Structure formats: C-alpha cells, structure tokens
Amino acid sequence: GARRDAVGRSHPTIGVLEHPFETGVFTGPDFQAVYQTDGHGFRNPSPWPPEADLMVVGDGVAFGYGVEDAQAWPALLAQWLAPQRVLNLGLVDAGLQQYLRVYETFESALHPRMVLVGLSLANAFEDADLFDRWWQTDGRENYRAWKAFEQLSLHHPLATVHTLVSRYSSLFRFVWPQRARVTHVRC
C-alpha cells in the first residue's frame, strides 16, 4: 500500500528525501514493516555521529524497503562492524545520480573513510533516465511527485494509468500480483 506521505519532502539537488523523524509503515501483499527516519530523513539512529567510518548510498534496497529498521542490510552491517560508525543514506525510488548527489551533499560533514554503493540493477537505469529528465525541467518540484505523473505525457498515457493504479490500488495488486509482469493494458 501507499505510505501516508509517499511523496516525501523536496530537495533541490537530490530530488526528494523522506520526512525527518517520521514513523511510517511499508505494506505489500506479503509484508508489513515499520520504519523510522532520522533528522535528515534517512534510516539511522539519531543523532548522527560527527563522522562516519562507512557511508552507504543506494536505492530502496539500501534504505531497507519492506523490512524493519534492524533488518535493513546497512543496519545489520553496522551491528557487525561495531564500533565503526555506519550511516545509511539510501533513498526509496532513487536513481544513480541521486546516490552521487547524496554523497556530495553529506560527505563534507561526515568525512566517510569508505563509501559503499548499494546498486539494484532492477530499475537503476530507468530511474537514472527519469532523474535526468526531472533535472532538465525548469521547476524543482518534488521528484517523487513529478515521477508519479511524468508519464501523463502523450507518449505513455497507458503506462501511467497502469503505474498509478498498480501503486495505489489494493484491488489491482490482489488481481495482478507484484510478481506478474504486465506488458500492456487495454482500455
């Protein structure tokens, strides 16, 4: 299901971050997981340490989409590497350029000794293309909101309907499970 504030908060160069100090719930056909964000909108305990030994950047897999806070792989890595300081700067629904922009935004404050990129190839290149198109727009609206409606253009109107219905309709997910690959929609 959709999260309450699924569009997050706008960021001028990263595009979007989760709301700071948010408690949310990820829900899907076979899972439900509570998550908490820190003062920056990432999934870490607060406050941040003055420096990080390891900075993790990436997409929803790095953020820990679908699992509880302690089950996200950066949290497990932090447990394993303690007392080293590991910060999870993963973003839900992010592309490659956003990983770099997260690094550029927070590197000077954290001075990480190492950066680990959690790359999910499932849609990394599609997300990169979408982010490039968002970056080329004149406005700097919330990237996630822009992305949800970007395909309303004349080029892909049916894909947009499928995307919006599949993301926000429980009935659609029941009839068409997440694992099923939908190649076309008839109207």
N, C-alpha and C. Protein backbone atom coordinates (compact mmCIF):
# COMPACT_ATOMS: atom_id res chain seq x y z
N GLY A 1 0.82 -1.18 0.00
CA GLY A 1 0.00 0.00 0.00
C GLY A 1 0.86 1.23 0.00
N ALA A 2 0.25 2.33 -0.32
CA ALA A 2 0.95 3.60 -0.34
C ALA A 2 1.18 4.09 1.08
N ARG A 3 2.30 4.70 1.31
CA ARG A 3 2.58 5.30 2.60
C ARG A 3 1.80 6.60 2.71
N ARG A 4 1.55 7.02 3.94
CA ARG A 4 0.77 8.24 4.19
C ARG A 4 1.35 9.43 3.44
N ASP A 5 2.62 9.72 3.59
CA ASP A 5 3.26 10.84 2.90
C ASP A 5 4.22 10.30 1.86
N ALA A 6 3.70 9.56 0.91
CA ALA A 6 4.53 8.83 -0.04
C ALA A 6 5.39 9.73 -0.92
N VAL A 7 5.10 11.01 -1.00
CA VAL A 7 5.90 11.86 -1.87
C VAL A 7 7.11 12.46 -1.16
N GLY A 8 7.23 12.31 0.15
CA GLY A 8 8.40 12.83 0.86
C GLY A 8 8.48 14.34 0.82
N ARG A 9 9.69 14.87 1.06
CA ARG A 9 9.88 16.32 1.02
C ARG A 9 10.89 16.66 -0.07
N SER A 10 10.65 17.75 -0.74
CA SER A 10 11.51 18.15 -1.86
C SER A 10 12.91 18.49 -1.39
N HIS A 11 13.87 18.20 -2.25
CA HIS A 11 15.26 18.61 -2.03
C HIS A 11 15.76 19.14 -3.36
N PRO A 12 16.42 20.31 -3.38
CA PRO A 12 16.76 20.96 -4.65
C PRO A 12 17.74 20.21 -5.54
N THR A 13 18.60 19.37 -4.99
CA THR A 13 19.54 18.64 -5.84
C THR A 13 19.34 17.13 -5.80
N ILE A 14 18.88 16.61 -4.68
CA ILE A 14 18.66 15.16 -4.56
C ILE A 14 17.29 14.80 -5.13
N GLY A 15 16.36 15.72 -5.08
CA GLY A 15 15.02 15.49 -5.63
C GLY A 15 13.97 15.29 -4.56
N VAL A 16 14.25 14.38 -3.65
CA VAL A 16 13.30 14.10 -2.57
C VAL A 16 14.00 13.33 -1.46
N LEU A 17 13.61 13.63 -0.25
CA LEU A 17 14.05 12.88 0.92
C LEU A 17 12.81 12.50 1.72
N GLU A 18 12.92 11.49 2.54
CA GLU A 18 11.81 11.16 3.44
C GLU A 18 11.70 12.29 4.46
N HIS A 19 10.55 12.38 5.09
CA HIS A 19 10.36 13.40 6.13
C HIS A 19 11.23 13.06 7.34
N PRO A 20 11.81 14.08 8.00
CA PRO A 20 12.62 13.81 9.18
C PRO A 20 11.74 13.32 10.35
N PHE A 21 12.31 12.48 11.16
CA PHE A 21 11.67 11.94 12.37
C PHE A 21 10.28 11.38 12.07
N GLU A 22 10.18 10.64 10.97
CA GLU A 22 8.91 10.05 10.56
C GLU A 22 8.85 8.60 11.00
N THR A 23 7.68 8.18 11.42
CA THR A 23 7.41 6.77 11.62
C THR A 23 6.43 6.39 10.54
N GLY A 24 6.78 5.43 9.74
CA GLY A 24 5.92 5.00 8.64
C GLY A 24 5.81 3.50 8.60
N VAL A 25 4.96 3.03 7.70
CA VAL A 25 4.75 1.60 7.55
C VAL A 25 4.83 1.25 6.07
N PHE A 26 5.69 0.30 5.74
CA PHE A 26 5.72 -0.26 4.40
C PHE A 26 4.74 -1.43 4.40
N THR A 27 3.87 -1.48 3.41
CA THR A 27 2.97 -2.62 3.29
C THR A 27 3.00 -3.14 1.87
N GLY A 28 2.87 -4.42 1.75
CA GLY A 28 2.83 -5.08 0.46
C GLY A 28 1.95 -6.30 0.57
N PRO A 29 1.84 -7.05 -0.50
CA PRO A 29 0.97 -8.22 -0.47
C PRO A 29 1.38 -9.26 0.57
N ASP A 30 2.69 -9.32 0.89
CA ASP A 30 3.15 -10.33 1.82
C ASP A 30 4.03 -9.79 2.94
N PHE A 31 3.98 -8.48 3.20
CA PHE A 31 4.79 -7.92 4.28
C PHE A 31 4.19 -6.63 4.82
N GLN A 32 4.58 -6.33 6.03
CA GLN A 32 4.28 -5.05 6.66
C GLN A 32 5.45 -4.76 7.59
N ALA A 33 6.06 -3.58 7.45
CA ALA A 33 7.24 -3.26 8.25
C ALA A 33 7.20 -1.79 8.65
N VAL A 34 7.49 -1.53 9.90
CA VAL A 34 7.55 -0.17 10.43
C VAL A 34 8.96 0.37 10.21
N TYR A 35 9.06 1.65 9.85
CA TYR A 35 10.37 2.27 9.73
C TYR A 35 10.36 3.62 10.42
N GLN A 36 11.55 4.07 10.81
CA GLN A 36 11.73 5.38 11.43
C GLN A 36 12.84 6.10 10.69
N THR A 37 12.68 7.40 10.52
CA THR A 37 13.75 8.18 9.89
C THR A 37 14.41 9.08 10.93
N ASP A 38 15.63 9.48 10.61
CA ASP A 38 16.38 10.37 11.49
C ASP A 38 16.05 11.84 11.13
N GLY A 39 16.79 12.75 11.68
CA GLY A 39 16.56 14.18 11.45
C GLY A 39 16.81 14.64 10.03
N HIS A 40 17.43 13.79 9.20
CA HIS A 40 17.69 14.14 7.80
C HIS A 40 16.76 13.40 6.85
N GLY A 41 15.98 12.46 7.36
CA GLY A 41 15.06 11.70 6.51
C GLY A 41 15.63 10.36 6.05
N PHE A 42 16.73 9.93 6.66
CA PHE A 42 17.32 8.64 6.34
C PHE A 42 17.01 7.66 7.48
N ARG A 43 17.43 6.45 7.33
CA ARG A 43 17.07 5.41 8.29
C ARG A 43 18.25 5.08 9.20
N ASN A 44 18.47 5.96 10.17
CA ASN A 44 19.57 5.80 11.11
C ASN A 44 19.10 6.21 12.50
N PRO A 45 19.80 5.73 13.53
CA PRO A 45 19.52 6.27 14.86
C PRO A 45 19.93 7.75 14.91
N SER A 46 19.27 8.52 15.73
CA SER A 46 19.63 9.95 15.91
C SER A 46 20.30 10.12 17.26
N PRO A 47 21.16 11.07 17.36
CA PRO A 47 21.70 11.95 16.32
C PRO A 47 22.81 11.23 15.54
N TRP A 48 23.15 11.82 14.40
CA TRP A 48 24.25 11.27 13.62
C TRP A 48 25.56 11.47 14.38
N PRO A 49 26.52 10.58 14.16
CA PRO A 49 27.85 10.81 14.74
C PRO A 49 28.53 11.96 14.00
N PRO A 50 29.54 12.56 14.61
CA PRO A 50 30.22 13.68 13.93
C PRO A 50 30.91 13.26 12.63
N GLU A 51 31.30 12.01 12.53
CA GLU A 51 31.91 11.47 11.31
C GLU A 51 31.43 10.04 11.11
N ALA A 52 31.50 9.57 9.87
CA ALA A 52 31.11 8.19 9.57
C ALA A 52 32.32 7.43 9.08
N ASP A 53 32.47 6.21 9.54
CA ASP A 53 33.52 5.35 9.01
C ASP A 53 33.08 4.81 7.65
N LEU A 54 31.78 4.50 7.53
CA LEU A 54 31.24 3.93 6.30
C LEU A 54 29.92 4.61 5.99
N MET A 55 29.80 5.12 4.78
CA MET A 55 28.56 5.74 4.29
C MET A 55 27.98 4.81 3.23
N VAL A 56 26.71 4.43 3.41
CA VAL A 56 26.01 3.59 2.43
C VAL A 56 25.08 4.49 1.63
N VAL A 57 25.20 4.46 0.31
CA VAL A 57 24.26 5.17 -0.57
C VAL A 57 23.63 4.12 -1.48
N GLY A 58 22.42 4.41 -1.94
CA GLY A 58 21.74 3.47 -2.81
C GLY A 58 20.26 3.77 -2.87
N ASP A 59 19.49 2.78 -3.33
CA ASP A 59 18.05 2.96 -3.52
C ASP A 59 17.27 2.34 -2.37
N GLY A 60 16.04 1.94 -2.63
CA GLY A 60 15.18 1.38 -1.61
C GLY A 60 15.71 0.12 -0.97
N VAL A 61 16.54 -0.65 -1.69
CA VAL A 61 17.14 -1.84 -1.10
C VAL A 61 18.11 -1.43 0.01
N ALA A 62 18.89 -0.39 -0.23
CA ALA A 62 19.78 0.12 0.82
C ALA A 62 18.97 0.77 1.94
N PHE A 63 17.93 1.51 1.60
CA PHE A 63 17.07 2.12 2.62
C PHE A 63 16.46 1.06 3.52
N GLY A 64 16.15 -0.09 2.94
CA GLY A 64 15.54 -1.18 3.69
C GLY A 64 14.05 -1.28 3.47
N TYR A 65 13.64 -0.98 2.24
CA TYR A 65 12.21 -1.04 1.91
C TYR A 65 11.66 -2.44 2.20
N GLY A 66 10.60 -2.51 2.98
CA GLY A 66 9.93 -3.77 3.24
C GLY A 66 10.38 -4.52 4.47
N VAL A 67 11.39 -4.00 5.18
CA VAL A 67 11.86 -4.67 6.39
C VAL A 67 11.90 -3.68 7.56
N GLU A 68 11.90 -4.22 8.77
CA GLU A 68 12.00 -3.40 9.97
C GLU A 68 13.38 -2.73 10.02
N ASP A 69 13.51 -1.68 10.82
CA ASP A 69 14.75 -0.91 10.89
C ASP A 69 15.98 -1.79 11.12
N ALA A 70 15.92 -2.68 12.09
CA ALA A 70 17.09 -3.50 12.44
C ALA A 70 17.38 -4.57 11.39
N GLN A 71 16.46 -4.81 10.45
CA GLN A 71 16.66 -5.83 9.42
C GLN A 71 17.22 -5.28 8.12
N ALA A 72 17.29 -3.97 7.95
CA ALA A 72 17.87 -3.38 6.74
C ALA A 72 19.35 -3.76 6.70
N TRP A 73 19.87 -4.10 5.52
CA TRP A 73 21.24 -4.61 5.48
C TRP A 73 22.27 -3.60 5.98
N PRO A 74 22.10 -2.28 5.79
CA PRO A 74 23.08 -1.37 6.40
C PRO A 74 23.05 -1.42 7.94
N ALA A 75 21.86 -1.64 8.52
CA ALA A 75 21.77 -1.76 9.98
C ALA A 75 22.46 -3.04 10.45
N LEU A 76 22.30 -4.12 9.70
CA LEU A 76 22.99 -5.37 10.03
C LEU A 76 24.50 -5.21 9.90
N LEU A 77 24.92 -4.49 8.85
CA LEU A 77 26.35 -4.21 8.66
C LEU A 77 26.88 -3.37 9.82
N ALA A 78 26.12 -2.38 10.27
CA ALA A 78 26.53 -1.54 11.40
C ALA A 78 26.70 -2.37 12.67
N GLN A 79 25.80 -3.31 12.88
CA GLN A 79 25.91 -4.21 14.03
C GLN A 79 27.18 -5.04 13.95
N TRP A 80 27.43 -5.57 12.79
CA TRP A 80 28.57 -6.45 12.58
C TRP A 80 29.90 -5.69 12.71
N LEU A 81 29.92 -4.44 12.24
CA LEU A 81 31.16 -3.66 12.24
C LEU A 81 31.36 -2.81 13.50
N ALA A 82 30.40 -2.83 14.43
CA ALA A 82 30.52 -2.00 15.64
C ALA A 82 31.87 -2.23 16.28
N PRO A 83 32.52 -1.18 16.74
CA PRO A 83 32.05 0.17 16.99
C PRO A 83 32.22 1.14 15.83
N GLN A 84 32.53 0.66 14.64
CA GLN A 84 32.65 1.54 13.48
C GLN A 84 31.29 2.22 13.24
N ARG A 85 31.32 3.43 12.74
CA ARG A 85 30.08 4.20 12.52
C ARG A 85 29.65 4.05 11.07
N VAL A 86 28.48 3.42 10.88
CA VAL A 86 27.91 3.18 9.56
C VAL A 86 26.64 4.02 9.44
N LEU A 87 26.55 4.81 8.38
CA LEU A 87 25.34 5.60 8.13
C LEU A 87 24.67 5.14 6.86
N ASN A 88 23.38 4.92 6.93
CA ASN A 88 22.56 4.50 5.79
C ASN A 88 21.96 5.74 5.14
N LEU A 89 22.42 6.09 3.95
CA LEU A 89 21.88 7.22 3.21
C LEU A 89 21.17 6.73 1.95
N GLY A 90 20.55 5.56 2.05
CA GLY A 90 19.77 5.01 0.95
C GLY A 90 18.46 5.77 0.78
N LEU A 91 17.99 5.86 -0.46
CA LEU A 91 16.76 6.57 -0.80
C LEU A 91 15.78 5.62 -1.47
N VAL A 92 14.53 5.69 -1.08
CA VAL A 92 13.50 4.91 -1.75
C VAL A 92 13.30 5.48 -3.15
N ASP A 93 13.24 4.60 -4.15
CA ASP A 93 12.90 5.01 -5.51
C ASP A 93 13.95 5.94 -6.13
N ALA A 94 15.23 5.66 -5.91
CA ALA A 94 16.29 6.56 -6.36
C ALA A 94 17.05 6.00 -7.56
N GLY A 95 17.65 6.92 -8.31
CA GLY A 95 18.49 6.58 -9.44
C GLY A 95 19.95 6.87 -9.12
N LEU A 96 20.83 6.48 -10.03
CA LEU A 96 22.28 6.57 -9.83
C LEU A 96 22.75 7.98 -9.51
N GLN A 97 22.22 8.99 -10.22
CA GLN A 97 22.66 10.36 -9.98
C GLN A 97 22.32 10.81 -8.57
N GLN A 98 21.21 10.31 -8.05
CA GLN A 98 20.82 10.69 -6.69
C GLN A 98 21.80 10.13 -5.66
N TYR A 99 22.36 8.95 -5.91
CA TYR A 99 23.36 8.40 -5.00
C TYR A 99 24.54 9.38 -4.90
N LEU A 100 24.99 9.84 -6.07
CA LEU A 100 26.11 10.79 -6.11
C LEU A 100 25.75 12.09 -5.42
N ARG A 101 24.56 12.58 -5.65
CA ARG A 101 24.15 13.84 -5.02
C ARG A 101 24.02 13.71 -3.51
N VAL A 102 23.58 12.56 -3.03
CA VAL A 102 23.55 12.31 -1.58
C VAL A 102 24.97 12.37 -1.04
N TYR A 103 25.88 11.69 -1.72
CA TYR A 103 27.28 11.71 -1.30
C TYR A 103 27.81 13.15 -1.27
N GLU A 104 27.61 13.88 -2.36
CA GLU A 104 28.11 15.26 -2.43
C GLU A 104 27.50 16.15 -1.35
N THR A 105 26.25 15.92 -1.02
CA THR A 105 25.56 16.75 -0.02
C THR A 105 26.07 16.48 1.39
N PHE A 106 26.35 15.24 1.73
CA PHE A 106 26.66 14.90 3.11
C PHE A 106 28.12 14.53 3.37
N GLU A 107 28.92 14.36 2.34
CA GLU A 107 30.31 13.93 2.52
C GLU A 107 31.13 14.93 3.33
N SER A 108 30.98 16.21 3.07
CA SER A 108 31.83 17.19 3.76
C SER A 108 31.54 17.24 5.26
N ALA A 109 30.32 16.92 5.68
CA ALA A 109 30.00 16.92 7.10
C ALA A 109 30.44 15.61 7.77
N LEU A 110 30.38 14.50 7.03
CA LEU A 110 30.62 13.19 7.63
C LEU A 110 32.03 12.65 7.44
N HIS A 111 32.75 13.13 6.43
CA HIS A 111 34.10 12.67 6.12
C HIS A 111 34.23 11.15 6.19
N PRO A 112 33.43 10.42 5.40
CA PRO A 112 33.48 8.95 5.50
C PRO A 112 34.84 8.41 5.02
N ARG A 113 35.30 7.39 5.67
CA ARG A 113 36.53 6.73 5.24
C ARG A 113 36.27 5.84 4.04
N MET A 114 35.01 5.34 3.95
CA MET A 114 34.65 4.45 2.86
C MET A 114 33.18 4.69 2.49
N VAL A 115 32.88 4.57 1.19
CA VAL A 115 31.51 4.69 0.71
C VAL A 115 31.14 3.38 0.03
N LEU A 116 30.02 2.83 0.41
CA LEU A 116 29.52 1.59 -0.16
C LEU A 116 28.26 1.92 -0.94
N VAL A 117 28.25 1.55 -2.22
CA VAL A 117 27.11 1.83 -3.08
C VAL A 117 26.28 0.56 -3.21
N GLY A 118 25.04 0.65 -2.76
CA GLY A 118 24.10 -0.46 -2.91
C GLY A 118 23.35 -0.29 -4.21
N LEU A 119 23.78 -0.97 -5.23
CA LEU A 119 23.22 -0.81 -6.57
C LEU A 119 22.25 -1.93 -6.88
N SER A 120 21.01 -1.57 -7.12
CA SER A 120 19.99 -2.53 -7.51
C SER A 120 19.73 -2.34 -9.00
N LEU A 121 20.12 -3.31 -9.79
CA LEU A 121 20.03 -3.15 -11.24
C LEU A 121 18.61 -3.30 -11.78
N ALA A 122 17.66 -3.68 -10.95
CA ALA A 122 16.29 -3.91 -11.43
C ALA A 122 15.73 -2.70 -12.15
N ASN A 123 15.92 -1.51 -11.61
CA ASN A 123 15.42 -0.32 -12.29
C ASN A 123 16.37 0.87 -12.14
N ALA A 124 17.63 0.62 -11.87
CA ALA A 124 18.59 1.71 -11.67
C ALA A 124 18.74 2.58 -12.92
N PHE A 125 18.75 1.98 -14.09
CA PHE A 125 18.96 2.77 -15.31
C PHE A 125 17.70 3.51 -15.72
N GLU A 126 16.54 2.89 -15.50
CA GLU A 126 15.27 3.59 -15.76
C GLU A 126 15.15 4.78 -14.82
N ASP A 127 15.48 4.58 -13.53
CA ASP A 127 15.43 5.68 -12.57
C ASP A 127 16.43 6.77 -12.94
N ALA A 128 17.59 6.40 -13.46
CA ALA A 128 18.59 7.39 -13.87
C ALA A 128 18.06 8.24 -15.02
N ASP A 129 17.40 7.61 -15.98
CA ASP A 129 16.82 8.34 -17.10
C ASP A 129 15.72 9.29 -16.61
N LEU A 130 14.87 8.82 -15.73
CA LEU A 130 13.81 9.68 -15.20
C LEU A 130 14.38 10.85 -14.42
N PHE A 131 15.41 10.61 -13.62
CA PHE A 131 16.01 11.71 -12.85
C PHE A 131 16.63 12.74 -13.79
N ASP A 132 17.28 12.29 -14.85
CA ASP A 132 17.83 13.24 -15.84
C ASP A 132 16.73 14.11 -16.42
N ARG A 133 15.61 13.50 -16.76
CA ARG A 133 14.50 14.29 -17.32
C ARG A 133 13.96 15.26 -16.29
N TRP A 134 13.85 14.85 -15.01
CA TRP A 134 13.40 15.76 -13.95
C TRP A 134 14.38 16.92 -13.81
N TRP A 135 15.67 16.61 -13.83
CA TRP A 135 16.70 17.64 -13.65
C TRP A 135 16.63 18.69 -14.76
N GLN A 136 16.25 18.29 -15.96
CA GLN A 136 16.18 19.21 -17.09
C GLN A 136 14.92 20.07 -17.09
N THR A 137 13.97 19.79 -16.19
CA THR A 137 12.78 20.63 -16.12
C THR A 137 13.14 21.96 -15.47
N ASP A 138 12.38 22.97 -15.77
CA ASP A 138 12.67 24.30 -15.21
C ASP A 138 12.40 24.37 -13.71
N GLY A 139 11.31 23.74 -13.27
CA GLY A 139 10.96 23.78 -11.85
C GLY A 139 11.75 22.76 -11.07
N ARG A 140 11.78 22.91 -9.80
CA ARG A 140 12.43 21.94 -8.92
C ARG A 140 11.38 21.36 -7.98
N GLU A 141 10.28 20.88 -8.58
CA GLU A 141 9.25 20.27 -7.76
C GLU A 141 9.74 18.96 -7.17
N ASN A 142 9.01 18.45 -6.23
CA ASN A 142 9.33 17.19 -5.58
C ASN A 142 9.50 16.11 -6.65
N TYR A 143 10.67 15.48 -6.67
CA TYR A 143 10.98 14.50 -7.71
C TYR A 143 10.02 13.32 -7.69
N ARG A 144 9.68 12.81 -6.52
CA ARG A 144 8.80 11.65 -6.44
C ARG A 144 7.40 11.98 -6.97
N ALA A 145 6.90 13.18 -6.67
CA ALA A 145 5.60 13.60 -7.20
C ALA A 145 5.68 13.77 -8.71
N TRP A 146 6.77 14.38 -9.19
CA TRP A 146 6.96 14.56 -10.62
C TRP A 146 7.02 13.21 -11.31
N LYS A 147 7.76 12.28 -10.72
CA LYS A 147 7.95 10.96 -11.32
C LYS A 147 6.62 10.21 -11.44
N ALA A 148 5.77 10.34 -10.43
CA ALA A 148 4.48 9.65 -10.45
C ALA A 148 3.60 10.11 -11.61
N PHE A 149 3.73 11.37 -11.99
CA PHE A 149 2.86 11.91 -13.03
C PHE A 149 3.58 12.23 -14.33
N GLU A 150 4.88 11.98 -14.39
CA GLU A 150 5.67 12.32 -15.58
C GLU A 150 5.14 11.64 -16.82
N GLN A 151 4.71 10.42 -16.69
CA GLN A 151 4.28 9.68 -17.86
C GLN A 151 2.88 10.06 -18.32
N LEU A 152 2.29 11.09 -17.74
CA LEU A 152 0.99 11.55 -18.21
C LEU A 152 1.09 12.23 -19.58
N SER A 153 2.32 12.33 -20.07
CA SER A 153 2.50 12.92 -21.39
C SER A 153 1.82 12.05 -22.45
N LEU A 154 1.70 12.55 -23.62
CA LEU A 154 1.06 11.82 -24.70
C LEU A 154 1.84 10.58 -25.12
N HIS A 155 3.11 10.50 -24.73
CA HIS A 155 3.94 9.38 -25.16
C HIS A 155 3.57 8.07 -24.48
N HIS A 156 3.17 8.10 -23.23
CA HIS A 156 2.92 6.87 -22.47
C HIS A 156 1.68 6.96 -21.59
N PRO A 157 0.53 7.37 -22.09
CA PRO A 157 -0.62 7.53 -21.19
C PRO A 157 -1.08 6.23 -20.55
N LEU A 158 -1.03 5.10 -21.25
CA LEU A 158 -1.50 3.85 -20.66
C LEU A 158 -0.53 3.33 -19.61
N ALA A 159 0.75 3.54 -19.82
CA ALA A 159 1.73 3.13 -18.81
C ALA A 159 1.51 3.89 -17.52
N THR A 160 1.14 5.16 -17.62
CA THR A 160 0.88 5.97 -16.43
C THR A 160 -0.31 5.43 -15.66
N VAL A 161 -1.38 5.11 -16.36
CA VAL A 161 -2.56 4.56 -15.70
C VAL A 161 -2.17 3.28 -14.97
N HIS A 162 -1.45 2.39 -15.64
CA HIS A 162 -1.00 1.15 -15.00
C HIS A 162 -0.14 1.44 -13.78
N THR A 163 0.81 2.36 -13.89
CA THR A 163 1.70 2.67 -12.78
C THR A 163 0.93 3.20 -11.58
N LEU A 164 0.06 4.18 -11.81
CA LEU A 164 -0.70 4.76 -10.71
C LEU A 164 -1.65 3.76 -10.08
N VAL A 165 -2.36 3.00 -10.89
CA VAL A 165 -3.31 2.03 -10.35
C VAL A 165 -2.56 0.93 -9.60
N SER A 166 -1.45 0.45 -10.16
CA SER A 166 -0.72 -0.64 -9.50
C SER A 166 -0.10 -0.20 -8.19
N ARG A 167 0.32 1.06 -8.08
CA ARG A 167 0.94 1.53 -6.84
C ARG A 167 -0.08 1.77 -5.74
N TYR A 168 -1.25 2.26 -6.11
CA TYR A 168 -2.17 2.75 -5.10
C TYR A 168 -3.48 1.98 -4.97
N SER A 169 -3.65 0.89 -5.67
CA SER A 169 -4.90 0.15 -5.61
C SER A 169 -4.67 -1.25 -5.05
N SER A 170 -5.28 -1.51 -3.90
CA SER A 170 -5.16 -2.84 -3.29
C SER A 170 -5.84 -3.89 -4.15
N LEU A 171 -6.99 -3.56 -4.76
CA LEU A 171 -7.70 -4.50 -5.61
C LEU A 171 -6.83 -4.90 -6.80
N PHE A 172 -6.15 -3.93 -7.41
CA PHE A 172 -5.28 -4.23 -8.55
C PHE A 172 -4.19 -5.21 -8.15
N ARG A 173 -3.56 -4.97 -6.97
CA ARG A 173 -2.48 -5.85 -6.52
C ARG A 173 -2.99 -7.24 -6.20
N PHE A 174 -4.24 -7.34 -5.76
CA PHE A 174 -4.82 -8.65 -5.48
C PHE A 174 -5.04 -9.42 -6.77
N VAL A 175 -5.56 -8.75 -7.80
CA VAL A 175 -5.85 -9.39 -9.08
C VAL A 175 -4.56 -9.64 -9.86
N TRP A 176 -3.64 -8.68 -9.81
CA TRP A 176 -2.38 -8.76 -10.55
C TRP A 176 -1.24 -8.77 -9.56
N PRO A 177 -0.76 -9.91 -9.10
CA PRO A 177 0.30 -9.94 -8.09
C PRO A 177 1.55 -9.20 -8.57
N GLN A 178 2.34 -8.71 -7.60
CA GLN A 178 3.57 -7.96 -7.91
C GLN A 178 4.50 -8.75 -8.82
N ARG A 179 4.53 -10.05 -8.71
CA ARG A 179 5.47 -10.84 -9.49
C ARG A 179 5.07 -10.93 -10.96
N ALA A 180 3.79 -10.70 -11.25
CA ALA A 180 3.33 -10.80 -12.64
C ALA A 180 3.82 -9.59 -13.42
N ARG A 181 4.37 -9.82 -14.55
CA ARG A 181 4.87 -8.73 -15.40
C ARG A 181 3.77 -8.34 -16.36
N VAL A 182 3.24 -7.14 -16.23
CA VAL A 182 2.18 -6.65 -17.10
C VAL A 182 2.85 -5.96 -18.29
N THR A 183 2.55 -6.43 -19.47
CA THR A 183 3.20 -5.86 -20.64
C THR A 183 2.31 -4.88 -21.39
N HIS A 184 1.00 -4.92 -21.14
CA HIS A 184 0.11 -3.96 -21.78
C HIS A 184 -1.17 -3.84 -20.97
N VAL A 185 -1.87 -2.76 -21.19
CA VAL A 185 -3.14 -2.51 -20.53
C VAL A 185 -4.15 -2.17 -21.60
N ARG A 186 -5.33 -2.78 -21.55
CA ARG A 186 -6.39 -2.45 -22.50
C ARG A 186 -7.41 -1.57 -21.85
N CYS A 187 -7.87 -0.57 -22.56
CA CYS A 187 -8.93 0.31 -22.06
C CYS A 187 -10.16 0.14 -22.90
